[in-house]
Protein backbone atom coordinates (compact mmCIF):
# COMPACT_ATOMS: atom_id res chain seq x y z
CA UNK A 1 0.00 0.00 0.00
CA UNK A 2 1.30 3.45 -0.95
CA UNK A 3 0.75 6.14 1.66
CA UNK A 4 1.23 9.80 0.84
CA UNK A 5 2.43 11.69 3.92
CA UNK A 6 2.32 15.49 3.74
CA UNK A 7 4.21 16.95 6.68
CA UNK A 8 6.30 20.14 6.74
CA UNK A 9 8.42 19.08 9.73
CA UNK A 10 11.21 16.96 8.26
CA UNK A 11 11.97 15.18 11.55
CA UNK A 12 8.35 14.03 11.92
CA UNK A 13 8.13 13.13 8.22
CA UNK A 14 11.25 10.97 8.53
CA UNK A 15 9.94 9.30 11.71
CA UNK A 16 6.60 8.55 10.05
CA UNK A 17 8.33 7.21 6.95
CA UNK A 18 10.47 4.91 9.11
CA UNK A 19 7.41 3.61 10.98
CA UNK A 20 5.38 3.14 7.78
CA UNK A 21 8.22 1.29 6.05
CA UNK A 22 8.64 -0.94 9.11
CA UNK A 23 4.99 -1.96 8.67
CA UNK A 24 5.51 -2.70 4.95
CA UNK A 25 3.86 0.48 3.64
CA UNK A 26 5.49 2.39 0.80
CA UNK A 27 5.79 6.02 1.88
CA UNK A 28 5.48 8.90 -0.56
CA UNK A 29 6.92 12.05 1.05
CA UNK A 30 5.59 15.58 0.56
CA UNK A 31 6.71 18.66 2.49
CA UNK A 32 3.77 20.80 1.36
CA UNK A 33 0.45 20.76 -0.47
CA UNK A 34 2.00 21.47 -3.88
CA UNK A 35 4.25 18.41 -3.60
CA UNK A 36 1.36 16.33 -2.28
CA UNK A 37 -0.88 17.23 -5.23
CA UNK A 38 1.92 16.42 -7.71
CA UNK A 39 2.42 13.01 -6.07
CA UNK A 40 -1.33 12.44 -6.03
CA UNK A 41 -1.47 13.01 -9.80
CA UNK A 42 1.60 10.94 -10.69
CA UNK A 43 1.89 8.07 -8.21
CA UNK A 44 -1.69 7.12 -7.25
CA UNK A 45 -1.38 6.65 -3.48
CA UNK A 46 -3.82 4.35 -1.67
CA UNK A 47 -4.00 6.55 1.42
CA UNK A 48 -3.07 10.06 2.51
CA UNK A 49 -1.95 11.53 5.82
CA UNK A 50 -1.62 15.30 6.00
CA UNK A 51 -0.70 17.90 8.55
CA UNK A 52 -3.26 20.65 9.19
CA UNK A 53 -0.65 23.15 8.01
CA UNK A 54 0.35 21.88 4.57
CA UNK A 55 2.50 24.86 3.61
CA UNK A 56 0.99 26.66 0.64
CA UNK A 57 -2.55 25.78 1.78
CA UNK A 58 -4.19 24.49 4.92
CA UNK A 59 -4.57 20.77 5.45
CA UNK A 60 -8.34 21.30 5.29
CA UNK A 61 -8.05 22.94 1.87
CA UNK A 62 -5.76 20.14 0.74
CA UNK A 63 -8.30 17.56 1.89
CA UNK A 64 -11.07 19.37 -0.01
CA UNK A 65 -8.96 19.49 -3.17
CA UNK A 66 -7.93 15.84 -2.91
CA UNK A 67 -11.47 14.74 -2.06
CA UNK A 68 -12.83 16.52 -5.15
CA UNK A 69 -10.34 14.61 -7.34
CA UNK A 70 -10.39 11.26 -5.55
CA UNK A 71 -13.43 11.03 -3.27
CA UNK A 72 -12.63 7.47 -2.18
CA UNK A 73 -9.06 8.15 -1.06
CA UNK A 74 -8.89 7.67 2.72
CA UNK A 75 -7.33 10.66 4.49
CA UNK A 76 -6.17 11.21 8.06
CA UNK A 77 -5.54 14.76 9.28
CA UNK A 78 -2.73 15.38 11.80
CA UNK A 79 -3.01 18.54 13.84
CA UNK A 80 -2.63 20.32 17.12
CA UNK A 81 -6.22 21.48 16.71
CA UNK A 82 -8.51 20.93 19.63
CA UNK A 83 -11.48 22.94 18.37
CA UNK A 84 -14.55 20.77 17.77
CA UNK A 85 -15.66 22.94 14.84
CA UNK A 86 -12.32 22.45 13.06
CA UNK A 87 -12.46 18.70 13.65
CA UNK A 88 -16.00 18.60 12.25
CA UNK A 89 -14.88 20.64 9.22
CA UNK A 90 -12.07 18.14 8.56
CA UNK A 91 -14.56 15.28 8.51
CA UNK A 92 -16.97 17.24 6.32
CA UNK A 93 -14.10 17.97 3.92
CA UNK A 94 -13.49 14.25 3.47
CA UNK A 95 -11.10 13.17 6.24
CA UNK A 96 -11.73 9.65 7.52
CA UNK A 97 -9.94 10.22 10.82
CA UNK A 98 -8.14 12.85 12.87
CA UNK A 99 -5.13 12.51 15.13
CA UNK A 100 -3.84 15.19 17.49
CA UNK A 101 -0.15 16.03 17.96
CA UNK A 102 1.73 14.79 19.81
CA UNK A 103 0.93 11.19 18.94
CA UNK A 104 2.60 7.81 18.82
CA UNK A 105 3.40 6.81 15.21
CA UNK A 106 2.23 3.28 16.02
CA UNK A 107 -1.24 4.69 16.73
CA UNK A 108 -1.25 6.27 13.27
CA UNK A 109 -0.29 2.95 11.67
CA UNK A 110 -3.10 1.20 13.57
CA UNK A 111 -5.62 3.81 12.42
CA UNK A 112 -4.46 3.43 8.81
CA UNK A 113 -4.83 -0.35 9.00
CA UNK A 114 -8.30 -0.03 10.55
CA UNK A 115 -9.53 2.37 7.86
CA UNK A 116 -8.01 0.26 5.11
CA UNK A 117 -9.72 -2.88 6.48
CA UNK A 118 -13.05 -1.05 6.71
CA UNK A 119 -12.64 0.12 3.12
CA UNK A 120 -11.96 -3.43 1.92
CA UNK A 121 -14.96 -4.84 3.83
CA UNK A 122 -17.34 -1.99 2.90
C-alpha atoms as a PDB file:
ATOM      1  CA  UNK A   1       0.000   0.000   0.000  1.00  0.00           C
ATOM      2  CA  UNK A   2       1.303   3.450  -0.949  1.00  0.00           C
ATOM      3  CA  UNK A   3       0.750   6.136   1.660  1.00  0.00           C
ATOM      4  CA  UNK A   4       1.232   9.796   0.835  1.00  0.00           C
ATOM      5  CA  UNK A   5       2.434  11.686   3.917  1.00  0.00           C
ATOM      6  CA  UNK A   6       2.318  15.489   3.736  1.00  0.00           C
ATOM      7  CA  UNK A   7       4.212  16.953   6.685  1.00  0.00           C
ATOM      8  CA  UNK A   8       6.298  20.135   6.738  1.00  0.00           C
ATOM      9  CA  UNK A   9       8.424  19.082   9.734  1.00  0.00           C
ATOM     10  CA  UNK A  10      11.210  16.963   8.258  1.00  0.00           C
ATOM     11  CA  UNK A  11      11.967  15.180  11.547  1.00  0.00           C
ATOM     12  CA  UNK A  12       8.353  14.027  11.924  1.00  0.00           C
ATOM     13  CA  UNK A  13       8.130  13.129   8.224  1.00  0.00           C
ATOM     14  CA  UNK A  14      11.245  10.974   8.533  1.00  0.00           C
ATOM     15  CA  UNK A  15       9.936   9.303  11.707  1.00  0.00           C
ATOM     16  CA  UNK A  16       6.598   8.552  10.053  1.00  0.00           C
ATOM     17  CA  UNK A  17       8.326   7.206   6.946  1.00  0.00           C
ATOM     18  CA  UNK A  18      10.466   4.908   9.110  1.00  0.00           C
ATOM     19  CA  UNK A  19       7.410   3.606  10.978  1.00  0.00           C
ATOM     20  CA  UNK A  20       5.381   3.140   7.776  1.00  0.00           C
ATOM     21  CA  UNK A  21       8.217   1.286   6.050  1.00  0.00           C
ATOM     22  CA  UNK A  22       8.640  -0.940   9.106  1.00  0.00           C
ATOM     23  CA  UNK A  23       4.990  -1.959   8.667  1.00  0.00           C
ATOM     24  CA  UNK A  24       5.506  -2.698   4.953  1.00  0.00           C
ATOM     25  CA  UNK A  25       3.860   0.484   3.638  1.00  0.00           C
ATOM     26  CA  UNK A  26       5.492   2.388   0.802  1.00  0.00           C
ATOM     27  CA  UNK A  27       5.786   6.018   1.883  1.00  0.00           C
ATOM     28  CA  UNK A  28       5.477   8.897  -0.562  1.00  0.00           C
ATOM     29  CA  UNK A  29       6.917  12.051   1.050  1.00  0.00           C
ATOM     30  CA  UNK A  30       5.590  15.579   0.557  1.00  0.00           C
ATOM     31  CA  UNK A  31       6.708  18.663   2.492  1.00  0.00           C
ATOM     32  CA  UNK A  32       3.767  20.802   1.364  1.00  0.00           C
ATOM     33  CA  UNK A  33       0.454  20.761  -0.469  1.00  0.00           C
ATOM     34  CA  UNK A  34       2.001  21.469  -3.885  1.00  0.00           C
ATOM     35  CA  UNK A  35       4.253  18.410  -3.597  1.00  0.00           C
ATOM     36  CA  UNK A  36       1.356  16.332  -2.278  1.00  0.00           C
ATOM     37  CA  UNK A  37      -0.880  17.231  -5.232  1.00  0.00           C
ATOM     38  CA  UNK A  38       1.923  16.415  -7.706  1.00  0.00           C
ATOM     39  CA  UNK A  39       2.417  13.014  -6.070  1.00  0.00           C
ATOM     40  CA  UNK A  40      -1.327  12.437  -6.032  1.00  0.00           C
ATOM     41  CA  UNK A  41      -1.466  13.007  -9.798  1.00  0.00           C
ATOM     42  CA  UNK A  42       1.602  10.940 -10.692  1.00  0.00           C
ATOM     43  CA  UNK A  43       1.891   8.071  -8.208  1.00  0.00           C
ATOM     44  CA  UNK A  44      -1.685   7.120  -7.248  1.00  0.00           C
ATOM     45  CA  UNK A  45      -1.382   6.649  -3.477  1.00  0.00           C
ATOM     46  CA  UNK A  46      -3.819   4.354  -1.671  1.00  0.00           C
ATOM     47  CA  UNK A  47      -4.004   6.546   1.424  1.00  0.00           C
ATOM     48  CA  UNK A  48      -3.071  10.059   2.513  1.00  0.00           C
ATOM     49  CA  UNK A  49      -1.950  11.533   5.823  1.00  0.00           C
ATOM     50  CA  UNK A  50      -1.616  15.304   5.997  1.00  0.00           C
ATOM     51  CA  UNK A  51      -0.704  17.903   8.548  1.00  0.00           C
ATOM     52  CA  UNK A  52      -3.260  20.652   9.186  1.00  0.00           C
ATOM     53  CA  UNK A  53      -0.647  23.149   8.008  1.00  0.00           C
ATOM     54  CA  UNK A  54       0.350  21.885   4.567  1.00  0.00           C
ATOM     55  CA  UNK A  55       2.503  24.862   3.614  1.00  0.00           C
ATOM     56  CA  UNK A  56       0.987  26.663   0.644  1.00  0.00           C
ATOM     57  CA  UNK A  57      -2.546  25.780   1.777  1.00  0.00           C
ATOM     58  CA  UNK A  58      -4.188  24.485   4.921  1.00  0.00           C
ATOM     59  CA  UNK A  59      -4.572  20.770   5.451  1.00  0.00           C
ATOM     60  CA  UNK A  60      -8.338  21.296   5.293  1.00  0.00           C
ATOM     61  CA  UNK A  61      -8.054  22.944   1.869  1.00  0.00           C
ATOM     62  CA  UNK A  62      -5.759  20.139   0.736  1.00  0.00           C
ATOM     63  CA  UNK A  63      -8.302  17.563   1.894  1.00  0.00           C
ATOM     64  CA  UNK A  64     -11.068  19.375  -0.008  1.00  0.00           C
ATOM     65  CA  UNK A  65      -8.961  19.489  -3.171  1.00  0.00           C
ATOM     66  CA  UNK A  66      -7.928  15.836  -2.910  1.00  0.00           C
ATOM     67  CA  UNK A  67     -11.465  14.739  -2.060  1.00  0.00           C
ATOM     68  CA  UNK A  68     -12.834  16.516  -5.152  1.00  0.00           C
ATOM     69  CA  UNK A  69     -10.335  14.614  -7.337  1.00  0.00           C
ATOM     70  CA  UNK A  70     -10.393  11.261  -5.549  1.00  0.00           C
ATOM     71  CA  UNK A  71     -13.433  11.034  -3.272  1.00  0.00           C
ATOM     72  CA  UNK A  72     -12.630   7.468  -2.178  1.00  0.00           C
ATOM     73  CA  UNK A  73      -9.061   8.148  -1.062  1.00  0.00           C
ATOM     74  CA  UNK A  74      -8.894   7.674   2.722  1.00  0.00           C
ATOM     75  CA  UNK A  75      -7.325  10.659   4.489  1.00  0.00           C
ATOM     76  CA  UNK A  76      -6.168  11.211   8.064  1.00  0.00           C
ATOM     77  CA  UNK A  77      -5.536  14.763   9.283  1.00  0.00           C
ATOM     78  CA  UNK A  78      -2.725  15.378  11.801  1.00  0.00           C
ATOM     79  CA  UNK A  79      -3.013  18.541  13.839  1.00  0.00           C
ATOM     80  CA  UNK A  80      -2.627  20.321  17.118  1.00  0.00           C
ATOM     81  CA  UNK A  81      -6.223  21.482  16.710  1.00  0.00           C
ATOM     82  CA  UNK A  82      -8.513  20.927  19.629  1.00  0.00           C
ATOM     83  CA  UNK A  83     -11.482  22.939  18.366  1.00  0.00           C
ATOM     84  CA  UNK A  84     -14.549  20.767  17.774  1.00  0.00           C
ATOM     85  CA  UNK A  85     -15.659  22.939  14.838  1.00  0.00           C
ATOM     86  CA  UNK A  86     -12.323  22.454  13.065  1.00  0.00           C
ATOM     87  CA  UNK A  87     -12.463  18.704  13.649  1.00  0.00           C
ATOM     88  CA  UNK A  88     -15.999  18.604  12.246  1.00  0.00           C
ATOM     89  CA  UNK A  89     -14.878  20.643   9.224  1.00  0.00           C
ATOM     90  CA  UNK A  90     -12.067  18.141   8.561  1.00  0.00           C
ATOM     91  CA  UNK A  91     -14.559  15.279   8.506  1.00  0.00           C
ATOM     92  CA  UNK A  92     -16.965  17.237   6.318  1.00  0.00           C
ATOM     93  CA  UNK A  93     -14.096  17.972   3.918  1.00  0.00           C
ATOM     94  CA  UNK A  94     -13.488  14.247   3.469  1.00  0.00           C
ATOM     95  CA  UNK A  95     -11.099  13.174   6.237  1.00  0.00           C
ATOM     96  CA  UNK A  96     -11.728   9.650   7.522  1.00  0.00           C
ATOM     97  CA  UNK A  97      -9.938  10.218  10.820  1.00  0.00           C
ATOM     98  CA  UNK A  98      -8.144  12.846  12.874  1.00  0.00           C
ATOM     99  CA  UNK A  99      -5.126  12.510  15.130  1.00  0.00           C
ATOM    100  CA  UNK A 100      -3.836  15.188  17.491  1.00  0.00           C
ATOM    101  CA  UNK A 101      -0.150  16.029  17.965  1.00  0.00           C
ATOM    102  CA  UNK A 102       1.735  14.790  19.809  1.00  0.00           C
ATOM    103  CA  UNK A 103       0.927  11.190  18.937  1.00  0.00           C
ATOM    104  CA  UNK A 104       2.604   7.807  18.821  1.00  0.00           C
ATOM    105  CA  UNK A 105       3.397   6.814  15.209  1.00  0.00           C
ATOM    106  CA  UNK A 106       2.234   3.280  16.023  1.00  0.00           C
ATOM    107  CA  UNK A 107      -1.239   4.694  16.727  1.00  0.00           C
ATOM    108  CA  UNK A 108      -1.251   6.270  13.274  1.00  0.00           C
ATOM    109  CA  UNK A 109      -0.289   2.948  11.665  1.00  0.00           C
ATOM    110  CA  UNK A 110      -3.096   1.203  13.566  1.00  0.00           C
ATOM    111  CA  UNK A 111      -5.624   3.808  12.417  1.00  0.00           C
ATOM    112  CA  UNK A 112      -4.463   3.432   8.808  1.00  0.00           C
ATOM    113  CA  UNK A 113      -4.831  -0.354   9.000  1.00  0.00           C
ATOM    114  CA  UNK A 114      -8.298  -0.030  10.553  1.00  0.00           C
ATOM    115  CA  UNK A 115      -9.526   2.370   7.864  1.00  0.00           C
ATOM    116  CA  UNK A 116      -8.009   0.256   5.108  1.00  0.00           C
ATOM    117  CA  UNK A 117      -9.716  -2.883   6.481  1.00  0.00           C
ATOM    118  CA  UNK A 118     -13.053  -1.048   6.713  1.00  0.00           C
ATOM    119  CA  UNK A 119     -12.637   0.122   3.121  1.00  0.00           C
ATOM    120  CA  UNK A 120     -11.965  -3.434   1.925  1.00  0.00           C
ATOM    121  CA  UNK A 121     -14.962  -4.838   3.827  1.00  0.00           C
ATOM    122  CA  UNK A 122     -17.337  -1.987   2.903  1.00  0.00           C
END
